[in-house]
Amino acid sequence: MSSEKSHLDQSKHNNEFLKQIRSQKFYDWVATTMFYTALHQIDFYLAKKNIHPINHKVRRAIVNKSFRIEFYKSFRNLEEACYDARYKPDEWKKSLNSITLKELEEDLKLIRNGANASN
């Protein structure tokens, strides 16, 4: 079971990596890193409440139940983009555009602000 600090540190670490690759053309890794940055931000918040999801399905259910709908939708957008970028690369590349990345950035921002506000 990871500590609050380890989740926060991993979220920060992922965010630093995201800054490094965002300006490059590794958009599949941008989407993946955005999702895992959000995941660790959420796990940081949940760990403070002594909640430690054992997998993505459990975390998804907790987020759906414990946070407002906009937060859950943003989390799912990031999760789906991560999945599509890794497992459906042809579809991902066809649908990828600057608006998609901008929307994902907004989703990540909402997760960061929402999880931080819940401290």
PDB file of N, CA and C in Angstrom:
ATOM      1  N   MET A   1       0.848  -1.169   0.000  1.00  0.00           N
ATOM      2  CA  MET A   1       0.000   0.000   0.000  1.00  0.00           C
ATOM      3  C   MET A   1       0.898   1.238   0.000  1.00  0.00           C
ATOM      4  N   SER A   2       0.702   2.115  -0.954  1.00  0.00           N
ATOM      5  CA  SER A   2       1.529   3.315  -1.073  1.00  0.00           C
ATOM      6  C   SER A   2       1.040   4.410  -0.142  1.00  0.00           C
ATOM      7  N   SER A   3       1.975   5.227   0.289  1.00  0.00           N
ATOM      8  CA  SER A   3       1.649   6.328   1.191  1.00  0.00           C
ATOM      9  C   SER A   3       1.133   7.531   0.411  1.00  0.00           C
ATOM     10  N   GLU A   4       0.550   8.471   1.146  1.00  0.00           N
ATOM     11  CA  GLU A   4       0.100   9.727   0.530  1.00  0.00           C
ATOM     12  C   GLU A   4       1.269  10.391  -0.192  1.00  0.00           C
ATOM     13  N   LYS A   5       2.398  10.479   0.515  1.00  0.00           N
ATOM     14  CA  LYS A   5       3.570  11.147  -0.043  1.00  0.00           C
ATOM     15  C   LYS A   5       4.044  10.485  -1.330  1.00  0.00           C
ATOM     16  N   SER A   6       4.034   9.159  -1.375  1.00  0.00           N
ATOM     17  CA  SER A   6       4.511   8.489  -2.588  1.00  0.00           C
ATOM     18  C   SER A   6       3.594   8.778  -3.775  1.00  0.00           C
ATOM     19  N   HIS A   7       2.269   8.863  -3.533  1.00  0.00           N
ATOM     20  CA  HIS A   7       1.349   9.215  -4.624  1.00  0.00           C
ATOM     21  C   HIS A   7       1.577  10.650  -5.087  1.00  0.00           C
ATOM     22  N   LEU A   8       1.751  11.547  -4.141  1.00  0.00           N
ATOM     23  CA  LEU A   8       1.994  12.944  -4.498  1.00  0.00           C
ATOM     24  C   LEU A   8       3.318  13.086  -5.238  1.00  0.00           C
ATOM     25  N   ASP A   9       4.345  12.410  -4.754  1.00  0.00           N
ATOM     26  CA  ASP A   9       5.649  12.454  -5.432  1.00  0.00           C
ATOM     27  C   ASP A   9       5.556  11.890  -6.851  1.00  0.00           C
ATOM     28  N   GLN A  10       4.816  10.786  -7.028  1.00  0.00           N
ATOM     29  CA  GLN A  10       4.688  10.185  -8.359  1.00  0.00           C
ATOM     30  C   GLN A  10       3.899  11.100  -9.289  1.00  0.00           C
ATOM     31  N   SER A  11       2.867  11.742  -8.760  1.00  0.00           N
ATOM     32  CA  SER A  11       2.101  12.686  -9.574  1.00  0.00           C
ATOM     33  C   SER A  11       2.998  13.835 -10.037  1.00  0.00           C
ATOM     34  N   LYS A  12       3.809  14.363  -9.144  1.00  0.00           N
ATOM     35  CA  LYS A  12       4.736  15.445  -9.497  1.00  0.00           C
ATOM     36  C   LYS A  12       5.784  14.963 -10.505  1.00  0.00           C
ATOM     37  N   HIS A  13       6.302  13.772 -10.278  1.00  0.00           N
ATOM     38  CA  HIS A  13       7.282  13.184 -11.186  1.00  0.00           C
ATOM     39  C   HIS A  13       6.691  13.036 -12.592  1.00  0.00           C
ATOM     40  N   ASN A  14       5.486  12.480 -12.670  1.00  0.00           N
ATOM     41  CA  ASN A  14       4.814  12.316 -13.963  1.00  0.00           C
ATOM     42  C   ASN A  14       4.587  13.669 -14.632  1.00  0.00           C
ATOM     43  N   ASN A  15       4.218  14.662 -13.840  1.00  0.00           N
ATOM     44  CA  ASN A  15       3.970  15.991 -14.401  1.00  0.00           C
ATOM     45  C   ASN A  15       5.252  16.591 -14.980  1.00  0.00           C
ATOM     46  N   GLU A  16       6.372  16.390 -14.313  1.00  0.00           N
ATOM     47  CA  GLU A  16       7.648  16.876 -14.850  1.00  0.00           C
ATOM     48  C   GLU A  16       7.982  16.192 -16.178  1.00  0.00           C
ATOM     49  N   PHE A  17       7.752  14.890 -16.243  1.00  0.00           N
ATOM     50  CA  PHE A  17       7.956  14.151 -17.493  1.00  0.00           C
ATOM     51  C   PHE A  17       7.036  14.689 -18.578  1.00  0.00           C
ATOM     52  N   LEU A  18       5.800  14.952 -18.218  1.00  0.00           N
ATOM     53  CA  LEU A  18       4.813  15.484 -19.157  1.00  0.00           C
ATOM     54  C   LEU A  18       5.295  16.806 -19.757  1.00  0.00           C
ATOM     55  N   LYS A  19       5.874  17.664 -18.939  1.00  0.00           N
ATOM     56  CA  LYS A  19       6.407  18.937 -19.434  1.00  0.00           C
ATOM     57  C   LYS A  19       7.506  18.706 -20.470  1.00  0.00           C
ATOM     58  N   GLN A  20       8.305  17.662 -20.264  1.00  0.00           N
ATOM     59  CA  GLN A  20       9.407  17.363 -21.174  1.00  0.00           C
ATOM     60  C   GLN A  20       8.932  16.849 -22.536  1.00  0.00           C
ATOM     61  N   ILE A  21       7.873  16.047 -22.545  1.00  0.00           N
ATOM     62  CA  ILE A  21       7.442  15.411 -23.796  1.00  0.00           C
ATOM     63  C   ILE A  21       6.301  16.136 -24.486  1.00  0.00           C
ATOM     64  N   ARG A  22       5.644  17.055 -23.814  1.00  0.00           N
ATOM     65  CA  ARG A  22       4.472  17.723 -24.365  1.00  0.00           C
ATOM     66  C   ARG A  22       4.792  18.460 -25.660  1.00  0.00           C
ATOM     67  N   SER A  23       5.947  19.068 -25.730  1.00  0.00           N
ATOM     68  CA  SER A  23       6.296  19.853 -26.920  1.00  0.00           C
ATOM     69  C   SER A  23       6.784  18.981 -28.073  1.00  0.00           C
ATOM     70  N   GLN A  24       6.957  17.710 -27.825  1.00  0.00           N
ATOM     71  CA  GLN A  24       7.406  16.801 -28.864  1.00  0.00           C
ATOM     72  C   GLN A  24       6.209  16.091 -29.478  1.00  0.00           C
ATOM     73  N   LYS A  25       6.450  15.115 -30.300  1.00  0.00           N
ATOM     74  CA  LYS A  25       5.377  14.436 -31.031  1.00  0.00           C
ATOM     75  C   LYS A  25       4.979  13.092 -30.427  1.00  0.00           C
ATOM     76  N   PHE A  26       5.272  12.896 -29.157  1.00  0.00           N
ATOM     77  CA  PHE A  26       4.941  11.645 -28.485  1.00  0.00           C
ATOM     78  C   PHE A  26       3.577  11.746 -27.816  1.00  0.00           C
ATOM     79  N   TYR A  27       2.567  12.024 -28.619  1.00  0.00           N
ATOM     80  CA  TYR A  27       1.253  12.306 -28.058  1.00  0.00           C
ATOM     81  C   TYR A  27       0.622  11.091 -27.378  1.00  0.00           C
ATOM     82  N   ASP A  28       0.993   9.894 -27.796  1.00  0.00           N
ATOM     83  CA  ASP A  28       0.496   8.709 -27.088  1.00  0.00           C
ATOM     84  C   ASP A  28       1.015   8.696 -25.654  1.00  0.00           C
ATOM     85  N   TRP A  29       2.277   9.078 -25.478  1.00  0.00           N
ATOM     86  CA  TRP A  29       2.848   9.128 -24.137  1.00  0.00           C
ATOM     87  C   TRP A  29       2.341  10.334 -23.357  1.00  0.00           C
ATOM     88  N   VAL A  30       2.017  11.405 -24.057  1.00  0.00           N
ATOM     89  CA  VAL A  30       1.408  12.557 -23.387  1.00  0.00           C
ATOM     90  C   VAL A  30       0.082  12.132 -22.766  1.00  0.00           C
ATOM     91  N   ALA A  31      -0.763  11.454 -23.536  1.00  0.00           N
ATOM     92  CA  ALA A  31      -2.065  11.004 -23.025  1.00  0.00           C
ATOM     93  C   ALA A  31      -1.882  10.027 -21.870  1.00  0.00           C
ATOM     94  N   THR A  32      -0.955   9.099 -22.018  1.00  0.00           N
ATOM     95  CA  THR A  32      -0.715   8.106 -20.970  1.00  0.00           C
ATOM     96  C   THR A  32      -0.201   8.778 -19.697  1.00  0.00           C
ATOM     97  N   THR A  33       0.731   9.689 -19.850  1.00  0.00           N
ATOM     98  CA  THR A  33       1.294  10.377 -18.692  1.00  0.00           C
ATOM     99  C   THR A  33       0.261  11.270 -18.018  1.00  0.00           C
ATOM    100  N   MET A  34      -0.582  11.917 -18.807  1.00  0.00           N
ATOM    101  CA  MET A  34      -1.651  12.731 -18.219  1.00  0.00           C
ATOM    102  C   MET A  34      -2.562  11.869 -17.342  1.00  0.00           C
ATOM    103  N   PHE A  35      -2.936  10.698 -17.866  1.00  0.00           N
ATOM    104  CA  PHE A  35      -3.813   9.826 -17.090  1.00  0.00           C
ATOM    105  C   PHE A  35      -3.152   9.390 -15.786  1.00  0.00           C
ATOM    106  N   TYR A  36      -1.903   8.954 -15.857  1.00  0.00           N
ATOM    107  CA  TYR A  36      -1.254   8.465 -14.642  1.00  0.00           C
ATOM    108  C   TYR A  36      -0.904   9.595 -13.670  1.00  0.00           C
ATOM    109  N   THR A  37      -0.720  10.796 -14.175  1.00  0.00           N
ATOM    110  CA  THR A  37      -0.574  11.953 -13.292  1.00  0.00           C
ATOM    111  C   THR A  37      -1.876  12.163 -12.521  1.00  0.00           C
ATOM    112  N   ALA A  38      -2.990  12.116 -13.235  1.00  0.00           N
ATOM    113  CA  ALA A  38      -4.304  12.263 -12.587  1.00  0.00           C
ATOM    114  C   ALA A  38      -4.561  11.130 -11.603  1.00  0.00           C
ATOM    115  N   LEU A  39      -4.239   9.909 -12.008  1.00  0.00           N
ATOM    116  CA  LEU A  39      -4.455   8.748 -11.148  1.00  0.00           C
ATOM    117  C   LEU A  39      -3.727   8.908  -9.809  1.00  0.00           C
ATOM    118  N   HIS A  40      -2.476   9.316  -9.854  1.00  0.00           N
ATOM    119  CA  HIS A  40      -1.732   9.463  -8.606  1.00  0.00           C
ATOM    120  C   HIS A  40      -2.216  10.661  -7.796  1.00  0.00           C
ATOM    121  N   GLN A  41      -2.725  11.680  -8.457  1.00  0.00           N
ATOM    122  CA  GLN A  41      -3.308  12.806  -7.721  1.00  0.00           C
ATOM    123  C   GLN A  41      -4.555  12.327  -6.967  1.00  0.00           C
ATOM    124  N   ILE A  42      -5.361  11.525  -7.624  1.00  0.00           N
ATOM    125  CA  ILE A  42      -6.559  10.961  -6.989  1.00  0.00           C
ATOM    126  C   ILE A  42      -6.155  10.002  -5.874  1.00  0.00           C
ATOM    127  N   ASP A  43      -5.178   9.136  -6.134  1.00  0.00           N
ATOM    128  CA  ASP A  43      -4.742   8.188  -5.103  1.00  0.00           C
ATOM    129  C   ASP A  43      -4.150   8.909  -3.896  1.00  0.00           C
ATOM    130  N   PHE A  44      -3.496  10.034  -4.125  1.00  0.00           N
ATOM    131  CA  PHE A  44      -2.995  10.856  -3.018  1.00  0.00           C
ATOM    132  C   PHE A  44      -4.167  11.302  -2.143  1.00  0.00           C
ATOM    133  N   TYR A  45      -5.188  11.833  -2.769  1.00  0.00           N
ATOM    134  CA  TYR A  45      -6.371  12.276  -2.029  1.00  0.00           C
ATOM    135  C   TYR A  45      -7.022  11.102  -1.287  1.00  0.00           C
ATOM    136  N   LEU A  46      -7.184   9.977  -1.963  1.00  0.00           N
ATOM    137  CA  LEU A  46      -7.829   8.812  -1.349  1.00  0.00           C
ATOM    138  C   LEU A  46      -6.983   8.241  -0.207  1.00  0.00           C
ATOM    139  N   ALA A  47      -5.674   8.241  -0.359  1.00  0.00           N
ATOM    140  CA  ALA A  47      -4.795   7.719   0.694  1.00  0.00           C
ATOM    141  C   ALA A  47      -4.937   8.534   1.979  1.00  0.00           C
ATOM    142  N   LYS A  48      -5.196   9.829   1.832  1.00  0.00           N
ATOM    143  CA  LYS A  48      -5.411  10.667   3.018  1.00  0.00           C
ATOM    144  C   LYS A  48      -6.641  10.215   3.792  1.00  0.00           C
ATOM    145  N   LYS A  49      -7.560   9.546   3.106  1.00  0.00           N
ATOM    146  CA  LYS A  49      -8.771   9.021   3.735  1.00  0.00           C
ATOM    147  C   LYS A  49      -8.638   7.521   4.023  1.00  0.00           C
ATOM    148  N   ASN A  50      -7.398   7.030   3.898  1.00  0.00           N
ATOM    149  CA  ASN A  50      -7.075   5.618   4.094  1.00  0.00           C
ATOM    150  C   ASN A  50      -7.854   4.706   3.135  1.00  0.00           C
ATOM    151  N   ILE A  51      -8.014   5.181   1.908  1.00  0.00           N
ATOM    152  CA  ILE A  51      -8.638   4.401   0.839  1.00  0.00           C
ATOM    153  C   ILE A  51      -7.549   4.105  -0.187  1.00  0.00           C
ATOM    154  N   HIS A  52      -7.379   2.831  -0.505  1.00  0.00           N
ATOM    155  CA  HIS A  52      -6.311   2.409  -1.409  1.00  0.00           C
ATOM    156  C   HIS A  52      -6.882   1.460  -2.460  1.00  0.00           C
ATOM    157  N   PRO A  53      -7.311   2.005  -3.615  1.00  0.00           N
ATOM    158  CA  PRO A  53      -7.890   1.151  -4.666  1.00  0.00           C
ATOM    159  C   PRO A  53      -6.898   0.079  -5.115  1.00  0.00           C
ATOM    160  N   ILE A  54      -7.410  -1.123  -5.342  1.00  0.00           N
ATOM    161  CA  ILE A  54      -6.528  -2.223  -5.729  1.00  0.00           C
ATOM    162  C   ILE A  54      -6.345  -2.346  -7.240  1.00  0.00           C
ATOM    163  N   ASN A  55      -7.211  -1.663  -8.002  1.00  0.00           N
ATOM    164  CA  ASN A  55      -7.083  -1.710  -9.459  1.00  0.00           C
ATOM    165  C   ASN A  55      -7.879  -0.564 -10.080  1.00  0.00           C
ATOM    166  N   HIS A  56      -7.814  -0.469 -11.396  1.00  0.00           N
ATOM    167  CA  HIS A  56      -8.488   0.629 -12.100  1.00  0.00           C
ATOM    168  C   HIS A  56     -10.003   0.567 -11.930  1.00  0.00           C
ATOM    169  N   LYS A  57     -10.561  -0.615 -11.987  1.00  0.00           N
ATOM    170  CA  LYS A  57     -12.019  -0.762 -11.880  1.00  0.00           C
ATOM    171  C   LYS A  57     -12.520  -0.255 -10.522  1.00  0.00           C
ATOM    172  N   VAL A  58     -11.826  -0.628  -9.472  1.00  0.00           N
ATOM    173  CA  VAL A  58     -12.216  -0.181  -8.128  1.00  0.00           C
ATOM    174  C   VAL A  58     -12.050   1.332  -8.009  1.00  0.00           C
ATOM    175  N   ARG A  59     -10.923   1.864  -8.502  1.00  0.00           N
ATOM    176  CA  ARG A  59     -10.698   3.300  -8.446  1.00  0.00           C
ATOM    177  C   ARG A  59     -11.799   4.043  -9.209  1.00  0.00           C
ATOM    178  N   ARG A  60     -12.130   3.561 -10.386  1.00  0.00           N
ATOM    179  CA  ARG A  60     -13.173   4.186 -11.202  1.00  0.00           C
ATOM    180  C   ARG A  60     -14.488   4.267 -10.424  1.00  0.00           C
ATOM    181  N   ALA A  61     -14.851   3.187  -9.757  1.00  0.00           N
ATOM    182  CA  ALA A  61     -16.096   3.163  -8.975  1.00  0.00           C
ATOM    183  C   ALA A  61     -16.042   4.156  -7.816  1.00  0.00           C
ATOM    184  N   ILE A  62     -14.892   4.232  -7.161  1.00  0.00           N
ATOM    185  CA  ILE A  62     -14.737   5.183  -6.052  1.00  0.00           C
ATOM    186  C   ILE A  62     -14.840   6.616  -6.552  1.00  0.00           C
ATOM    187  N   VAL A  63     -14.176   6.904  -7.652  1.00  0.00           N
ATOM    188  CA  VAL A  63     -14.223   8.258  -8.216  1.00  0.00           C
ATOM    189  C   VAL A  63     -15.651   8.600  -8.630  1.00  0.00           C
ATOM    190  N   ASN A  64     -16.338   7.656  -9.231  1.00  0.00           N
ATOM    191  CA  ASN A  64     -17.725   7.882  -9.650  1.00  0.00           C
ATOM    192  C   ASN A  64     -18.619   8.188  -8.449  1.00  0.00           C
ATOM    193  N   LYS A  65     -18.394   7.497  -7.357  1.00  0.00           N
ATOM    194  CA  LYS A  65     -19.241   7.647  -6.171  1.00  0.00           C
ATOM    195  C   LYS A  65     -18.849   8.847  -5.306  1.00  0.00           C
ATOM    196  N   SER A  66     -17.561   9.163  -5.262  1.00  0.00           N
ATOM    197  CA  SER A  66     -17.050  10.114  -4.280  1.00  0.00           C
ATOM    198  C   SER A  66     -16.842  11.539  -4.786  1.00  0.00           C
ATOM    199  N   PHE A  67     -16.838  11.721  -6.082  1.00  0.00           N
ATOM    200  CA  PHE A  67     -16.556  13.044  -6.637  1.00  0.00           C
ATOM    201  C   PHE A  67     -17.722  13.515  -7.494  1.00  0.00           C
ATOM    202  N   ARG A  68     -17.749  14.815  -7.764  1.00  0.00           N
ATOM    203  CA  ARG A  68     -18.818  15.346  -8.616  1.00  0.00           C
ATOM    204  C   ARG A  68     -18.665  14.824 -10.042  1.00  0.00           C
ATOM    205  N   ILE A  69     -19.729  14.870 -10.805  1.00  0.00           N
ATOM    206  CA  ILE A  69     -19.789  14.241 -12.130  1.00  0.00           C
ATOM    207  C   ILE A  69     -18.740  14.802 -13.097  1.00  0.00           C
ATOM    208  N   GLU A  70     -18.463  16.097 -13.038  1.00  0.00           N
ATOM    209  CA  GLU A  70     -17.475  16.696 -13.941  1.00  0.00           C
ATOM    210  C   GLU A  70     -16.086  16.097 -13.688  1.00  0.00           C
ATOM    211  N   PHE A  71     -15.795  15.865 -12.424  1.00  0.00           N
ATOM    212  CA  PHE A  71     -14.517  15.268 -12.043  1.00  0.00           C
ATOM    213  C   PHE A  71     -14.419  13.852 -12.608  1.00  0.00           C
ATOM    214  N   TYR A  72     -15.486  13.078 -12.430  1.00  0.00           N
ATOM    215  CA  TYR A  72     -15.514  11.708 -12.937  1.00  0.00           C
ATOM    216  C   TYR A  72     -15.376  11.691 -14.463  1.00  0.00           C
ATOM    217  N   LYS A  73     -16.085  12.577 -15.150  1.00  0.00           N
ATOM    218  CA  LYS A  73     -16.004  12.623 -16.619  1.00  0.00           C
ATOM    219  C   LYS A  73     -14.584  12.955 -17.076  1.00  0.00           C
ATOM    220  N   SER A  74     -13.942  13.883 -16.401  1.00  0.00           N
ATOM    221  CA  SER A  74     -12.567  14.234 -16.761  1.00  0.00           C
ATOM    222  C   SER A  74     -11.632  13.058 -16.545  1.00  0.00           C
ATOM    223  N   PHE A  75     -11.814  12.363 -15.423  1.00  0.00           N
ATOM    224  CA  PHE A  75     -11.005  11.178 -15.152  1.00  0.00           C
ATOM    225  C   PHE A  75     -11.212  10.129 -16.241  1.00  0.00           C
ATOM    226  N   ARG A  76     -12.443   9.885 -16.627  1.00  0.00           N
ATOM    227  CA  ARG A  76     -12.738   8.896 -17.669  1.00  0.00           C
ATOM    228  C   ARG A  76     -12.191   9.331 -19.025  1.00  0.00           C
ATOM    229  N   ASN A  77     -12.280  10.621 -19.355  1.00  0.00           N
ATOM    230  CA  ASN A  77     -11.705  11.110 -20.612  1.00  0.00           C
ATOM    231  C   ASN A  77     -10.210  10.803 -20.677  1.00  0.00           C
ATOM    232  N   LEU A  78      -9.512  11.065 -19.579  1.00  0.00           N
ATOM    233  CA  LEU A  78      -8.080  10.787 -19.534  1.00  0.00           C
ATOM    234  C   LEU A  78      -7.801   9.292 -19.611  1.00  0.00           C
ATOM    235  N   GLU A  79      -8.592   8.508 -18.905  1.00  0.00           N
ATOM    236  CA  GLU A  79      -8.410   7.056 -18.921  1.00  0.00           C
ATOM    237  C   GLU A  79      -8.649   6.482 -20.321  1.00  0.00           C
ATOM    238  N   GLU A  80      -9.697   6.935 -20.981  1.00  0.00           N
ATOM    239  CA  GLU A  80     -10.010   6.442 -22.322  1.00  0.00           C
ATOM    240  C   GLU A  80      -8.963   6.887 -23.343  1.00  0.00           C
ATOM    241  N   ALA A  81      -8.488   8.115 -23.222  1.00  0.00           N
ATOM    242  CA  ALA A  81      -7.447   8.591 -24.135  1.00  0.00           C
ATOM    243  C   ALA A  81      -6.172   7.769 -23.958  1.00  0.00           C
ATOM    244  N   CYS A  82      -5.834   7.475 -22.721  1.00  0.00           N
ATOM    245  CA  CYS A  82      -4.659   6.645 -22.423  1.00  0.00           C
ATOM    246  C   CYS A  82      -4.823   5.263 -23.054  1.00  0.00           C
ATOM    247  N   TYR A  83      -5.974   4.669 -22.867  1.00  0.00           N
ATOM    248  CA  TYR A  83      -6.247   3.337 -23.412  1.00  0.00           C
ATOM    249  C   TYR A  83      -6.174   3.357 -24.943  1.00  0.00           C
ATOM    250  N   ASP A  84      -6.861   4.327 -25.551  1.00  0.00           N
ATOM    251  CA  ASP A  84      -6.886   4.407 -27.013  1.00  0.00           C
ATOM    252  C   ASP A  84      -5.499   4.653 -27.593  1.00  0.00           C
ATOM    253  N   ALA A  85      -4.723   5.517 -26.944  1.00  0.00           N
ATOM    254  CA  ALA A  85      -3.378   5.817 -27.437  1.00  0.00           C
ATOM    255  C   ALA A  85      -2.493   4.576 -27.417  1.00  0.00           C
ATOM    256  N   ARG A  86      -2.701   3.708 -26.432  1.00  0.00           N
ATOM    257  CA  ARG A  86      -1.856   2.511 -26.302  1.00  0.00           C
ATOM    258  C   ARG A  86      -2.363   1.327 -27.116  1.00  0.00           C
ATOM    259  N   TYR A  87      -3.694   1.145 -27.152  1.00  0.00           N
ATOM    260  CA  TYR A  87      -4.241  -0.086 -27.728  1.00  0.00           C
ATOM    261  C   TYR A  87      -4.990   0.100 -29.050  1.00  0.00           C
ATOM    262  N   LYS A  88      -5.275   1.346 -29.409  1.00  0.00           N
ATOM    263  CA  LYS A  88      -5.940   1.640 -30.683  1.00  0.00           C
ATOM    264  C   LYS A  88      -5.187   2.780 -31.371  1.00  0.00           C
ATOM    265  N   PRO A  89      -3.914   2.597 -31.628  1.00  0.00           N
ATOM    266  CA  PRO A  89      -3.105   3.717 -32.118  1.00  0.00           C
ATOM    267  C   PRO A  89      -3.571   4.308 -33.446  1.00  0.00           C
ATOM    268  N   ASP A  90      -4.089   3.491 -34.346  1.00  0.00           N
ATOM    269  CA  ASP A  90      -4.543   4.034 -35.633  1.00  0.00           C
ATOM    270  C   ASP A  90      -5.738   4.960 -35.437  1.00  0.00           C
ATOM    271  N   GLU A  91      -6.707   4.528 -34.648  1.00  0.00           N
ATOM    272  CA  GLU A  91      -7.879   5.374 -34.353  1.00  0.00           C
ATOM    273  C   GLU A  91      -7.454   6.630 -33.598  1.00  0.00           C
ATOM    274  N   TRP A  92      -6.551   6.448 -32.635  1.00  0.00           N
ATOM    275  CA  TRP A  92      -6.081   7.572 -31.830  1.00  0.00           C
ATOM    276  C   TRP A  92      -5.443   8.644 -32.708  1.00  0.00           C
ATOM    277  N   LYS A  93      -4.571   8.221 -33.627  1.00  0.00           N
ATOM    278  CA  LYS A  93      -3.891   9.178 -34.500  1.00  0.00           C
ATOM    279  C   LYS A  93      -4.879   9.910 -35.399  1.00  0.00           C
ATOM    280  N   LYS A  94      -5.898   9.201 -35.886  1.00  0.00           N
ATOM    281  CA  LYS A  94      -6.898   9.839 -36.757  1.00  0.00           C
ATOM    282  C   LYS A  94      -7.716  10.877 -36.006  1.00  0.00           C
ATOM    283  N   SER A  95      -8.024  10.605 -34.735  1.00  0.00           N
ATOM    284  CA  SER A  95      -8.878  11.520 -33.980  1.00  0.00           C
ATOM    285  C   SER A  95      -8.092  12.605 -33.259  1.00  0.00           C
ATOM    286  N   LEU A  96      -6.776  12.461 -33.210  1.00  0.00           N
ATOM    287  CA  LEU A  96      -5.942  13.396 -32.471  1.00  0.00           C
ATOM    288  C   LEU A  96      -5.855  14.739 -33.185  1.00  0.00           C
ATOM    289  N   ASN A  97      -6.050  15.781 -32.434  1.00  0.00           N
ATOM    290  CA  ASN A  97      -5.842  17.137 -32.936  1.00  0.00           C
ATOM    291  C   ASN A  97      -5.551  18.045 -31.745  1.00  0.00           C
ATOM    292  N   SER A  98      -5.288  19.300 -32.020  1.00  0.00           N
ATOM    293  CA  SER A  98      -4.917  20.220 -30.936  1.00  0.00           C
ATOM    294  C   SER A  98      -6.060  20.400 -29.941  1.00  0.00           C
ATOM    295  N   ILE A  99      -7.298  20.292 -30.419  1.00  0.00           N
ATOM    296  CA  ILE A  99      -8.447  20.429 -29.506  1.00  0.00           C
ATOM    297  C   ILE A  99      -8.477  19.258 -28.534  1.00  0.00           C
ATOM    298  N   THR A 100      -8.214  18.055 -29.025  1.00  0.00           N
ATOM    299  CA  THR A 100      -8.203  16.879 -28.163  1.00  0.00           C
ATOM    300  C   THR A 100      -7.183  17.051 -27.042  1.00  0.00           C
ATOM    301  N   LEU A 101      -5.973  17.455 -27.369  1.00  0.00           N
ATOM    302  CA  LEU A 101      -4.943  17.644 -26.351  1.00  0.00           C
ATOM    303  C   LEU A 101      -5.307  18.770 -25.396  1.00  0.00           C
ATOM    304  N   LYS A 102      -5.889  19.818 -25.919  1.00  0.00           N
ATOM    305  CA  LYS A 102      -6.312  20.942 -25.070  1.00  0.00           C
ATOM    306  C   LYS A 102      -7.384  20.472 -24.088  1.00  0.00           C
ATOM    307  N   GLU A 103      -8.328  19.666 -24.567  1.00  0.00           N
ATOM    308  CA  GLU A 103      -9.373  19.140 -23.689  1.00  0.00           C
ATOM    309  C   GLU A 103      -8.781  18.236 -22.616  1.00  0.00           C
ATOM    310  N   LEU A 104      -7.811  17.406 -22.993  1.00  0.00           N
ATOM    311  CA  LEU A 104      -7.168  16.537 -22.012  1.00  0.00           C
ATOM    312  C   LEU A 104      -6.400  17.355 -20.975  1.00  0.00           C
ATOM    313  N   GLU A 105      -5.764  18.429 -21.413  1.00  0.00           N
ATOM    314  CA  GLU A 105      -5.071  19.314 -20.469  1.00  0.00           C
ATOM    315  C   GLU A 105      -6.061  19.924 -19.485  1.00  0.00           C
ATOM    316  N   GLU A 106      -7.226  20.309 -19.988  1.00  0.00           N
ATOM    317  CA  GLU A 106      -8.267  20.865 -19.106  1.00  0.00           C
ATOM    318  C   GLU A 106      -8.779  19.797 -18.135  1.00  0.00           C
ATOM    319  N   ASP A 107      -8.925  18.575 -18.613  1.00  0.00           N
ATOM    320  CA  ASP A 107      -9.349  17.480 -17.734  1.00  0.00           C
ATOM    321  C   ASP A 107      -8.336  17.264 -16.617  1.00  0.00           C
ATOM    322  N   LEU A 108      -7.057  17.252 -16.962  1.00  0.00           N
ATOM    323  CA  LEU A 108      -6.014  17.063 -15.963  1.00  0.00           C
ATOM    324  C   LEU A 108      -6.019  18.216 -14.961  1.00  0.00           C
ATOM    325  N   LYS A 109      -6.189  19.410 -15.450  1.00  0.00           N
ATOM    326  CA  LYS A 109      -6.240  20.585 -14.573  1.00  0.00           C
ATOM    327  C   LYS A 109      -7.404  20.470 -13.583  1.00  0.00           C
ATOM    328  N   LEU A 110      -8.558  20.035 -14.067  1.00  0.00           N
ATOM    329  CA  LEU A 110      -9.714  19.861 -13.194  1.00  0.00           C
ATOM    330  C   LEU A 110      -9.426  18.809 -12.112  1.00  0.00           C
ATOM    331  N   ILE A 111      -8.777  17.718 -12.494  1.00  0.00           N
ATOM    332  CA  ILE A 111      -8.427  16.663 -11.527  1.00  0.00           C
ATOM    333  C   ILE A 111      -7.472  17.226 -10.481  1.00  0.00           C
ATOM    334  N   ARG A 112      -6.444  17.914 -10.934  1.00  0.00           N
ATOM    335  CA  ARG A 112      -5.465  18.483  -9.994  1.00  0.00           C
ATOM    336  C   ARG A 112      -6.144  19.440  -9.014  1.00  0.00           C
ATOM    337  N   ASN A 113      -6.931  20.347  -9.560  1.00  0.00           N
ATOM    338  CA  ASN A 113      -7.583  21.348  -8.704  1.00  0.00           C
ATOM    339  C   ASN A 113      -8.617  20.699  -7.786  1.00  0.00           C
ATOM    340  N   GLY A 114      -9.354  19.743  -8.308  1.00  0.00           N
ATOM    341  CA  GLY A 114     -10.391  19.082  -7.510  1.00  0.00           C
ATOM    342  C   GLY A 114      -9.818  18.239  -6.401  1.00  0.00           C
ATOM    343  N   ALA A 115      -8.766  17.507  -6.680  1.00  0.00           N
ATOM    344  CA  ALA A 115      -8.150  16.677  -5.646  1.00  0.00           C
ATOM    345  C   ALA A 115      -7.435  17.546  -4.618  1.00  0.00           C
ATOM    346  N   ASN A 116      -6.821  18.626  -5.071  1.00  0.00           N
ATOM    347  CA  ASN A 116      -6.145  19.536  -4.130  1.00  0.00           C
ATOM    348  C   ASN A 116      -7.151  20.270  -3.256  1.00  0.00           C
ATOM    349  N   ALA A 117      -8.279  20.642  -3.833  1.00  0.00           N
ATOM    350  CA  ALA A 117      -9.306  21.366  -3.084  1.00  0.00           C
ATOM    351  C   ALA A 117      -9.939  20.480  -2.020  1.00  0.00           C
ATOM    352  N   SER A 118      -9.846  19.175  -2.224  1.00  0.00           N
ATOM    353  CA  SER A 118     -10.462  18.231  -1.296  1.00  0.00           C
ATOM    354  C   SER A 118      -9.557  17.885  -0.129  1.00  0.00           C
ATOM    355  N   ASN A 119      -8.380  18.486  -0.066  1.00  0.00           N
ATOM    356  CA  ASN A 119      -7.426  18.152   0.997  1.00  0.00           C
ATOM    357  C   ASN A 119      -7.994  18.420   2.349  1.00  0.00           C
TER     358      ASN A 119
END
